[in-house]
Amino acid sequence: MAIAAKPRGKMLLVTDAMPPVGSDDPEFILNGEAITIRDGVCQTAQGVLAGSALDMAGAVRNAVQLLGLPLDEAVRMASTYPADFLGLGASHGRIAAGYQADLVALNNDCRVLRSWIGGAAS
C-alpha cells in the first residue's frame, strides 16, 4: 500500500545494517550488551529484539519475491532513488560514464555473486 501511495522514485529500500551484516561473525556488542543473530534477527541473550540482519540484497530479494515488484524497480529503489534523495544522483546510483563504480552482481535469486567498490573488486 505504501509503495502504491508514493510516486515512482519516492520509495526507498533501507536496511539498518547492523555490524554482522556481511560478516561471518554472528555476534557484536551494542551499548555494552552482547547481541547475536538468530534466524536473521538480532537479539539480546534474553531474546529481546535488537535490530535486523537484513542486507540490501535481501531487501531487493524481498521486494521482488514478497511484493512482486519488477527487479529493475527494486534495484532502483536500492540504488538510484536513495542516491537522488541524498543529493548524490550526479555521481552515484546509476551505471553510466562518470558515475562511481559501486556495483553488485546478483544471481537469479537476488543473491550476491560479486561486488565492486570504486571499480575495485571487493
N, C-alpha and C. Protein backbone atom coordinates (compact mmCIF):
# COMPACT_ATOMS: atom_id res chain seq x y z
N MET A 1 0.82 -1.16 0.00
CA MET A 1 0.00 0.00 0.00
C MET A 1 0.89 1.26 0.00
N ALA A 2 1.96 1.22 0.80
CA ALA A 2 2.85 2.38 0.87
C ALA A 2 3.49 2.65 -0.48
N ILE A 3 3.91 1.59 -1.17
CA ILE A 3 4.54 1.77 -2.48
C ILE A 3 3.54 2.36 -3.47
N ALA A 4 2.31 1.89 -3.45
CA ALA A 4 1.28 2.40 -4.36
C ALA A 4 0.93 3.85 -4.05
N ALA A 5 1.09 4.27 -2.81
CA ALA A 5 0.72 5.63 -2.41
C ALA A 5 1.77 6.67 -2.79
N LYS A 6 2.97 6.23 -3.09
CA LYS A 6 4.05 7.16 -3.42
C LYS A 6 4.29 7.19 -4.92
N PRO A 7 4.68 8.35 -5.45
CA PRO A 7 5.05 8.40 -6.87
C PRO A 7 6.31 7.57 -7.11
N ARG A 8 6.44 7.05 -8.32
CA ARG A 8 7.65 6.29 -8.67
C ARG A 8 8.88 7.16 -8.39
N GLY A 9 9.87 6.55 -7.78
CA GLY A 9 11.10 7.25 -7.46
C GLY A 9 11.13 7.83 -6.06
N LYS A 10 10.05 7.70 -5.32
CA LYS A 10 10.00 8.27 -3.97
C LYS A 10 10.00 7.22 -2.87
N MET A 11 10.00 5.94 -3.21
CA MET A 11 10.06 4.88 -2.21
C MET A 11 11.45 4.27 -2.26
N LEU A 12 12.08 4.15 -1.09
CA LEU A 12 13.45 3.64 -0.99
C LEU A 12 13.48 2.35 -0.20
N LEU A 13 14.39 1.46 -0.55
CA LEU A 13 14.67 0.29 0.27
C LEU A 13 15.77 0.68 1.25
N VAL A 14 15.60 0.29 2.50
CA VAL A 14 16.60 0.58 3.52
C VAL A 14 16.85 -0.66 4.36
N THR A 15 17.97 -0.65 5.05
CA THR A 15 18.31 -1.71 6.00
C THR A 15 19.07 -1.06 7.14
N ASP A 16 18.91 -1.57 8.35
CA ASP A 16 19.63 -0.97 9.47
C ASP A 16 21.09 -1.42 9.53
N ALA A 17 21.47 -2.40 8.72
CA ALA A 17 22.88 -2.81 8.55
C ALA A 17 23.66 -2.90 9.85
N MET A 18 23.20 -3.73 10.74
CA MET A 18 23.90 -3.96 12.00
C MET A 18 25.27 -4.59 11.70
N PRO A 19 26.23 -4.50 12.62
CA PRO A 19 27.60 -4.94 12.34
C PRO A 19 27.77 -6.34 11.73
N PRO A 20 26.98 -7.36 12.09
CA PRO A 20 27.20 -8.68 11.49
C PRO A 20 26.83 -8.79 10.01
N VAL A 21 26.09 -7.83 9.49
CA VAL A 21 25.69 -7.91 8.09
C VAL A 21 26.94 -7.89 7.22
N GLY A 22 27.08 -8.90 6.38
CA GLY A 22 28.25 -9.03 5.53
C GLY A 22 29.45 -9.66 6.21
N SER A 23 29.26 -10.14 7.42
CA SER A 23 30.34 -10.75 8.20
C SER A 23 29.99 -12.19 8.54
N ASP A 24 31.00 -12.97 8.85
CA ASP A 24 30.77 -14.33 9.31
C ASP A 24 30.57 -14.40 10.82
N ASP A 25 30.78 -13.28 11.51
CA ASP A 25 30.65 -13.24 12.97
C ASP A 25 29.20 -12.89 13.34
N PRO A 26 28.48 -13.79 13.98
CA PRO A 26 27.07 -13.54 14.30
C PRO A 26 26.86 -12.74 15.58
N GLU A 27 27.94 -12.24 16.20
CA GLU A 27 27.80 -11.52 17.46
C GLU A 27 28.48 -10.16 17.40
N PHE A 28 27.93 -9.21 18.18
CA PHE A 28 28.54 -7.91 18.35
C PHE A 28 28.07 -7.31 19.67
N ILE A 29 28.71 -6.23 20.09
CA ILE A 29 28.34 -5.57 21.33
C ILE A 29 27.62 -4.28 20.98
N LEU A 30 26.47 -4.06 21.63
CA LEU A 30 25.67 -2.84 21.44
C LEU A 30 25.33 -2.31 22.82
N ASN A 31 25.80 -1.10 23.12
CA ASN A 31 25.57 -0.49 24.44
C ASN A 31 26.01 -1.42 25.57
N GLY A 32 27.14 -2.10 25.38
CA GLY A 32 27.69 -2.96 26.40
C GLY A 32 27.04 -4.33 26.51
N GLU A 33 26.11 -4.64 25.62
CA GLU A 33 25.39 -5.91 25.69
C GLU A 33 25.69 -6.75 24.45
N ALA A 34 25.91 -8.05 24.67
CA ALA A 34 26.17 -8.96 23.55
C ALA A 34 24.88 -9.18 22.76
N ILE A 35 24.99 -9.02 21.44
CA ILE A 35 23.86 -9.21 20.52
C ILE A 35 24.24 -10.34 19.57
N THR A 36 23.31 -11.25 19.31
CA THR A 36 23.55 -12.39 18.43
C THR A 36 22.46 -12.46 17.37
N ILE A 37 22.87 -12.85 16.17
CA ILE A 37 21.88 -13.07 15.11
C ILE A 37 21.30 -14.47 15.27
N ARG A 38 19.98 -14.52 15.33
CA ARG A 38 19.25 -15.80 15.38
C ARG A 38 18.16 -15.73 14.34
N ASP A 39 18.21 -16.61 13.36
CA ASP A 39 17.18 -16.67 12.31
C ASP A 39 16.99 -15.32 11.63
N GLY A 40 18.09 -14.61 11.36
CA GLY A 40 18.02 -13.33 10.66
C GLY A 40 17.62 -12.15 11.51
N VAL A 41 17.50 -12.36 12.82
CA VAL A 41 17.09 -11.30 13.74
C VAL A 41 18.19 -11.09 14.77
N CYS A 42 18.52 -9.83 15.06
CA CYS A 42 19.49 -9.52 16.10
C CYS A 42 18.76 -9.49 17.44
N GLN A 43 19.28 -10.29 18.41
CA GLN A 43 18.62 -10.41 19.71
C GLN A 43 19.63 -10.38 20.84
N THR A 44 19.18 -9.92 22.01
CA THR A 44 19.98 -9.99 23.21
C THR A 44 19.97 -11.43 23.70
N ALA A 45 20.76 -11.72 24.75
CA ALA A 45 20.79 -13.06 25.33
C ALA A 45 19.42 -13.46 25.87
N GLN A 46 18.60 -12.46 26.22
CA GLN A 46 17.26 -12.73 26.74
C GLN A 46 16.21 -12.85 25.63
N GLY A 47 16.65 -12.72 24.37
CA GLY A 47 15.73 -12.84 23.25
C GLY A 47 15.03 -11.56 22.86
N VAL A 48 15.48 -10.41 23.40
CA VAL A 48 14.88 -9.12 23.08
C VAL A 48 15.39 -8.65 21.72
N LEU A 49 14.49 -8.17 20.87
CA LEU A 49 14.84 -7.67 19.54
C LEU A 49 15.84 -6.52 19.66
N ALA A 50 16.92 -6.59 18.89
CA ALA A 50 17.96 -5.56 18.92
C ALA A 50 18.34 -5.12 17.51
N GLY A 51 17.52 -5.40 16.52
CA GLY A 51 17.80 -4.99 15.15
C GLY A 51 17.55 -6.11 14.17
N SER A 52 17.94 -5.87 12.95
CA SER A 52 17.73 -6.82 11.88
C SER A 52 19.05 -7.17 11.22
N ALA A 53 19.11 -8.33 10.62
CA ALA A 53 20.30 -8.74 9.88
C ALA A 53 20.04 -8.66 8.38
N LEU A 54 19.07 -7.86 7.99
CA LEU A 54 18.73 -7.70 6.57
C LEU A 54 19.81 -6.90 5.85
N ASP A 55 20.34 -7.45 4.77
CA ASP A 55 21.26 -6.69 3.93
C ASP A 55 20.48 -6.16 2.73
N MET A 56 21.11 -5.31 1.93
CA MET A 56 20.39 -4.68 0.82
C MET A 56 19.99 -5.69 -0.25
N ALA A 57 20.82 -6.70 -0.49
CA ALA A 57 20.42 -7.74 -1.46
C ALA A 57 19.17 -8.45 -0.96
N GLY A 58 19.08 -8.67 0.35
CA GLY A 58 17.89 -9.27 0.93
C GLY A 58 16.67 -8.37 0.78
N ALA A 59 16.88 -7.07 0.94
CA ALA A 59 15.77 -6.12 0.76
C ALA A 59 15.27 -6.15 -0.69
N VAL A 60 16.20 -6.20 -1.65
CA VAL A 60 15.81 -6.30 -3.06
C VAL A 60 15.08 -7.61 -3.30
N ARG A 61 15.63 -8.70 -2.79
CA ARG A 61 15.00 -10.01 -2.95
C ARG A 61 13.59 -10.01 -2.36
N ASN A 62 13.41 -9.45 -1.17
CA ASN A 62 12.08 -9.37 -0.56
C ASN A 62 11.12 -8.55 -1.41
N ALA A 63 11.60 -7.43 -1.95
CA ALA A 63 10.73 -6.58 -2.77
C ALA A 63 10.25 -7.32 -4.01
N VAL A 64 11.12 -8.13 -4.58
CA VAL A 64 10.77 -8.89 -5.78
C VAL A 64 9.88 -10.08 -5.43
N GLN A 65 10.34 -10.89 -4.47
CA GLN A 65 9.65 -12.14 -4.17
C GLN A 65 8.40 -11.96 -3.32
N LEU A 66 8.42 -11.06 -2.37
CA LEU A 66 7.27 -10.91 -1.46
C LEU A 66 6.28 -9.85 -1.92
N LEU A 67 6.79 -8.80 -2.57
CA LEU A 67 5.91 -7.71 -3.01
C LEU A 67 5.57 -7.77 -4.49
N GLY A 68 6.29 -8.63 -5.23
CA GLY A 68 6.02 -8.77 -6.66
C GLY A 68 6.49 -7.60 -7.51
N LEU A 69 7.44 -6.82 -7.00
CA LEU A 69 7.97 -5.71 -7.79
C LEU A 69 8.88 -6.23 -8.89
N PRO A 70 8.91 -5.55 -10.03
CA PRO A 70 9.89 -5.93 -11.05
C PRO A 70 11.31 -5.72 -10.52
N LEU A 71 12.22 -6.58 -10.90
CA LEU A 71 13.60 -6.49 -10.42
C LEU A 71 14.21 -5.12 -10.70
N ASP A 72 13.99 -4.58 -11.90
CA ASP A 72 14.61 -3.29 -12.22
C ASP A 72 14.13 -2.18 -11.29
N GLU A 73 12.86 -2.19 -10.89
CA GLU A 73 12.36 -1.17 -9.97
C GLU A 73 12.90 -1.40 -8.57
N ALA A 74 12.98 -2.64 -8.12
CA ALA A 74 13.54 -2.94 -6.80
C ALA A 74 14.99 -2.48 -6.73
N VAL A 75 15.75 -2.69 -7.79
CA VAL A 75 17.16 -2.26 -7.81
C VAL A 75 17.24 -0.74 -7.79
N ARG A 76 16.38 -0.05 -8.51
CA ARG A 76 16.37 1.43 -8.45
C ARG A 76 16.02 1.91 -7.05
N MET A 77 15.11 1.20 -6.37
CA MET A 77 14.73 1.57 -5.00
C MET A 77 15.89 1.38 -4.03
N ALA A 78 16.85 0.55 -4.39
CA ALA A 78 18.03 0.28 -3.56
C ALA A 78 19.23 1.13 -3.94
N SER A 79 19.19 1.78 -5.09
CA SER A 79 20.38 2.49 -5.57
C SER A 79 20.08 3.89 -6.09
N THR A 80 19.37 3.97 -7.19
CA THR A 80 19.13 5.25 -7.85
C THR A 80 18.35 6.22 -6.98
N TYR A 81 17.23 5.78 -6.45
CA TYR A 81 16.38 6.68 -5.66
C TYR A 81 17.05 7.13 -4.37
N PRO A 82 17.74 6.25 -3.63
CA PRO A 82 18.46 6.74 -2.45
C PRO A 82 19.57 7.73 -2.80
N ALA A 83 20.30 7.48 -3.89
CA ALA A 83 21.35 8.41 -4.30
C ALA A 83 20.74 9.78 -4.61
N ASP A 84 19.62 9.79 -5.32
CA ASP A 84 18.95 11.06 -5.62
C ASP A 84 18.51 11.76 -4.33
N PHE A 85 17.90 11.01 -3.42
CA PHE A 85 17.42 11.57 -2.16
C PHE A 85 18.55 12.21 -1.36
N LEU A 86 19.72 11.57 -1.38
CA LEU A 86 20.87 12.07 -0.63
C LEU A 86 21.64 13.16 -1.36
N GLY A 87 21.18 13.55 -2.56
CA GLY A 87 21.86 14.57 -3.32
C GLY A 87 23.11 14.07 -4.03
N LEU A 88 23.21 12.74 -4.20
CA LEU A 88 24.38 12.13 -4.84
C LEU A 88 24.07 11.62 -6.24
N GLY A 89 22.90 11.98 -6.77
CA GLY A 89 22.44 11.44 -8.04
C GLY A 89 23.32 11.77 -9.24
N ALA A 90 24.18 12.77 -9.12
CA ALA A 90 25.07 13.12 -10.23
C ALA A 90 26.32 12.25 -10.28
N SER A 91 26.55 11.44 -9.22
CA SER A 91 27.77 10.63 -9.20
C SER A 91 27.54 9.19 -8.75
N HIS A 92 26.37 8.89 -8.20
CA HIS A 92 26.11 7.56 -7.65
C HIS A 92 24.72 7.07 -8.06
N GLY A 93 24.52 5.75 -7.95
CA GLY A 93 23.19 5.18 -8.12
C GLY A 93 22.81 4.78 -9.53
N ARG A 94 23.74 4.92 -10.46
CA ARG A 94 23.47 4.56 -11.85
C ARG A 94 24.71 3.93 -12.46
N ILE A 95 24.51 3.13 -13.48
CA ILE A 95 25.63 2.59 -14.24
C ILE A 95 25.73 3.45 -15.49
N ALA A 96 26.70 4.36 -15.47
CA ALA A 96 26.89 5.28 -16.59
C ALA A 96 28.29 5.87 -16.51
N ALA A 97 28.77 6.37 -17.64
CA ALA A 97 30.08 7.01 -17.68
C ALA A 97 30.12 8.17 -16.69
N GLY A 98 31.20 8.25 -15.91
CA GLY A 98 31.37 9.33 -14.96
C GLY A 98 30.78 9.07 -13.59
N TYR A 99 30.08 7.96 -13.42
CA TYR A 99 29.48 7.64 -12.12
C TYR A 99 30.41 6.74 -11.32
N GLN A 100 30.30 6.81 -9.99
CA GLN A 100 31.07 5.97 -9.09
C GLN A 100 30.77 4.50 -9.41
N ALA A 101 31.79 3.70 -9.59
CA ALA A 101 31.61 2.30 -9.97
C ALA A 101 31.46 1.41 -8.75
N ASP A 102 30.35 1.61 -8.02
CA ASP A 102 29.97 0.73 -6.92
C ASP A 102 28.90 -0.20 -7.47
N LEU A 103 29.24 -1.46 -7.67
CA LEU A 103 28.35 -2.39 -8.36
C LEU A 103 28.21 -3.70 -7.61
N VAL A 104 27.08 -4.36 -7.82
CA VAL A 104 26.84 -5.68 -7.25
C VAL A 104 26.27 -6.56 -8.34
N ALA A 105 26.85 -7.74 -8.53
CA ALA A 105 26.30 -8.74 -9.45
C ALA A 105 25.46 -9.71 -8.63
N LEU A 106 24.20 -9.89 -9.03
CA LEU A 106 23.29 -10.79 -8.34
C LEU A 106 22.97 -11.98 -9.23
N ASN A 107 22.67 -13.12 -8.61
CA ASN A 107 22.20 -14.26 -9.39
C ASN A 107 20.69 -14.12 -9.59
N ASN A 108 20.07 -15.12 -10.19
CA ASN A 108 18.63 -15.05 -10.47
C ASN A 108 17.77 -15.02 -9.21
N ASP A 109 18.35 -15.42 -8.07
CA ASP A 109 17.63 -15.41 -6.81
C ASP A 109 17.98 -14.18 -5.97
N CYS A 110 18.58 -13.19 -6.61
CA CYS A 110 18.99 -11.94 -5.95
C CYS A 110 19.98 -12.18 -4.81
N ARG A 111 20.88 -13.11 -5.00
CA ARG A 111 21.96 -13.37 -4.04
C ARG A 111 23.25 -12.80 -4.65
N VAL A 112 24.07 -12.19 -3.81
CA VAL A 112 25.28 -11.53 -4.28
C VAL A 112 26.28 -12.54 -4.80
N LEU A 113 26.75 -12.32 -6.03
CA LEU A 113 27.81 -13.13 -6.62
C LEU A 113 29.16 -12.45 -6.46
N ARG A 114 29.15 -11.13 -6.64
CA ARG A 114 30.41 -10.36 -6.63
C ARG A 114 30.06 -8.89 -6.44
N SER A 115 30.98 -8.13 -5.89
CA SER A 115 30.75 -6.69 -5.75
C SER A 115 32.03 -5.91 -6.05
N TRP A 116 31.83 -4.65 -6.40
CA TRP A 116 32.92 -3.72 -6.70
C TRP A 116 32.64 -2.42 -5.98
N ILE A 117 33.65 -1.88 -5.32
CA ILE A 117 33.55 -0.57 -4.68
C ILE A 117 34.57 0.34 -5.35
N GLY A 118 34.10 1.43 -5.93
CA GLY A 118 35.01 2.32 -6.63
C GLY A 118 35.71 1.64 -7.80
N GLY A 119 35.06 0.65 -8.38
CA GLY A 119 35.61 -0.06 -9.52
C GLY A 119 36.51 -1.22 -9.17
N ALA A 120 36.85 -1.37 -7.90
CA ALA A 120 37.73 -2.46 -7.46
C ALA A 120 36.90 -3.59 -6.86
N ALA A 121 37.21 -4.83 -7.26
CA ALA A 121 36.51 -5.98 -6.71
C ALA A 121 36.72 -6.03 -5.20
N SER A 122 35.65 -6.37 -4.51
CA SER A 122 35.78 -6.44 -3.05
C SER A 122 35.38 -7.82 -2.56
